[in-house]
Protein backbone atom coordinates (compact mmCIF):
# COMPACT_ATOMS: atom_id res chain seq x y z
CA UNK A 1 116.84 112.58 74.06
CA UNK A 2 115.30 109.37 75.42
CA UNK A 3 112.02 109.36 77.31
CA UNK A 4 111.90 108.74 81.02
CA UNK A 5 108.99 107.80 83.18
CA UNK A 6 107.70 110.91 84.89
CA UNK A 7 105.87 109.51 87.87
CA UNK A 8 104.13 112.00 90.14
CA UNK A 9 105.14 111.93 93.77
CA UNK A 10 102.58 112.15 96.55
CA UNK A 11 103.70 112.32 100.14
CA UNK A 12 102.54 113.51 103.55
CA UNK A 13 104.79 114.70 106.36
CA UNK A 14 105.03 116.99 109.40
CA UNK A 15 106.85 120.32 109.59
CA UNK A 16 107.79 122.11 112.78
CA UNK A 17 106.75 125.73 112.69
CA UNK A 18 108.63 128.62 114.23
CA UNK A 19 106.23 128.65 117.22
CA UNK A 20 107.09 125.00 117.99
CA UNK A 21 103.84 123.47 116.75
CA UNK A 22 103.73 120.82 114.07
CA UNK A 23 101.64 121.01 110.94
CA UNK A 24 100.85 118.22 108.50
CA UNK A 25 101.52 118.79 104.83
CA UNK A 26 100.65 116.98 101.64
CA UNK A 27 102.83 117.34 98.54
CA UNK A 28 101.89 116.41 94.99
CA UNK A 29 104.75 116.96 92.56
CA UNK A 30 105.81 116.03 89.07
CA UNK A 31 109.48 115.89 88.01
CA UNK A 32 110.44 117.94 84.96
CA UNK A 33 113.42 116.62 82.98
CA UNK A 34 116.12 118.95 81.76
CA UNK A 35 117.72 118.58 78.33
CA UNK A 36 119.71 115.54 79.51
CA UNK A 37 116.49 113.79 80.62
CA UNK A 38 117.56 114.10 84.23
CA UNK A 39 115.04 115.20 86.80
CA UNK A 40 116.36 118.49 88.03
CA UNK A 41 113.16 120.47 88.57
CA UNK A 42 109.80 119.79 90.11
CA UNK A 43 106.42 121.37 89.80
CA UNK A 44 103.81 120.72 92.43
CA UNK A 45 101.50 121.79 95.17
CA UNK A 46 101.95 121.74 98.95
CA UNK A 47 98.88 121.81 101.14
CA UNK A 48 98.45 122.16 104.89
CA UNK A 49 96.30 119.17 105.92
CA UNK A 50 96.34 119.52 109.71
CA UNK A 51 92.56 119.96 109.92
CA UNK A 52 91.98 116.82 107.84
CA UNK A 53 94.40 114.90 110.07
CA UNK A 54 92.63 116.15 113.19
CA UNK A 55 89.27 115.09 111.74
CA UNK A 56 90.67 111.64 110.86
CA UNK A 57 92.12 111.25 114.38
CA UNK A 58 88.81 112.32 115.92
CA UNK A 59 86.91 109.85 113.76
CA UNK A 60 89.27 107.01 114.73
CA UNK A 61 88.88 107.89 118.41
CA UNK A 62 85.09 108.05 118.09
CA UNK A 63 85.01 104.69 116.30
CA UNK A 64 87.18 103.16 119.02
CA UNK A 65 84.81 104.44 121.74
CA UNK A 66 81.82 103.12 119.78
CA UNK A 67 83.37 99.67 119.36
CA UNK A 68 84.42 99.54 123.02
CA UNK A 69 80.91 100.50 124.14
CA UNK A 70 79.24 97.98 121.84
CA UNK A 71 81.61 95.17 122.83
CA UNK A 72 81.14 95.87 126.56
CA UNK A 73 77.34 96.26 126.39
CA UNK A 74 75.39 93.52 128.20
CA UNK A 75 73.05 93.23 125.21
CA UNK A 76 73.28 91.56 121.84
CA UNK A 77 74.31 93.81 118.98
CA UNK A 78 74.55 93.06 115.28
CA UNK A 79 75.24 95.48 112.45
CA UNK A 80 73.72 94.57 109.09
CA UNK A 81 74.62 96.41 105.90
CA UNK A 82 72.03 97.70 103.45
CA UNK A 83 72.91 94.67 101.30
CA UNK A 84 71.75 92.35 104.10
CA UNK A 85 75.26 91.17 104.98
CA UNK A 86 76.41 90.90 108.58
CA UNK A 87 79.04 93.57 109.18
CA UNK A 88 79.67 93.22 112.90
CA UNK A 89 78.44 91.35 115.94
CA UNK A 90 79.40 92.09 119.53
CA UNK A 91 81.16 89.62 121.80
CA UNK A 92 78.13 88.77 124.02
CA UNK A 93 76.10 87.81 120.95
CA UNK A 94 78.96 85.81 119.43
CA UNK A 95 79.38 83.90 122.70
CA UNK A 96 75.66 83.21 123.00
CA UNK A 97 75.56 81.84 119.44
CA UNK A 98 78.95 80.10 119.77
CA UNK A 99 80.47 81.81 116.70
CA UNK A 100 83.64 83.70 115.96
CA UNK A 101 83.41 87.04 114.16
CA UNK A 102 85.13 85.53 111.11
CA UNK A 103 82.30 82.96 110.93
CA UNK A 104 79.59 85.59 110.55
CA UNK A 105 81.07 88.63 108.79
CA UNK A 106 79.84 88.98 105.19
CA UNK A 107 77.19 86.30 105.62
CA UNK A 108 73.62 87.04 104.55
CA UNK A 109 71.95 87.73 107.88
CA UNK A 110 68.52 86.38 106.95
CA UNK A 111 69.68 83.08 105.49
CA UNK A 112 72.41 82.50 108.07
CA UNK A 113 70.58 83.39 111.31
CA UNK A 114 66.83 83.56 110.71
CA UNK A 115 64.75 80.37 110.40
CA UNK A 116 63.18 80.05 106.95
CA UNK A 117 59.61 80.34 108.22
CA UNK A 118 60.43 83.71 109.90
CA UNK A 119 62.50 85.34 107.14
CA UNK A 120 59.65 87.16 105.44
CA UNK A 121 58.58 88.87 108.66
CA UNK A 122 62.13 89.73 109.70
CA UNK A 123 62.84 91.00 106.18
CA UNK A 124 59.86 93.38 106.48
CA UNK A 125 61.17 94.70 109.79
CA UNK A 126 64.66 95.25 108.34
CA UNK A 127 63.19 96.99 105.28
CA UNK A 128 61.13 99.27 107.50
CA UNK A 129 64.22 100.14 109.54
CA UNK A 130 66.30 100.86 106.42
CA UNK A 131 63.57 102.71 104.49
CA UNK A 132 62.26 104.85 107.31
CA UNK A 133 65.41 104.96 109.43
CA UNK A 134 63.37 103.77 112.42
């Protein structure tokens, strides 16, 4: 009997229930070889993941509304990560600074945007915001 690679299978799909609604399922299965080393049996777990899917859809929708609101706001908006890197900047601010988003994402905000003589003060403000969630 020669060995075969027994790779687990993970998949997600929809199933139509008797009442006409659809549910989302996740399968995790492992093939079990028979004596001829052919995969003829499977062992695994099926799980109804409709609530997770709904939560993911809701999160995507919420993020879309947030981005739309931020991009349309008549104010400047920048999102800075806890590591000090620029994560996002809205369109009005990009236009005012004459940058593209690809120019600023992942740049160190202090060294890229703040004049050297003002960095210490701005750094204190950012630290206060991060530490105290102000």
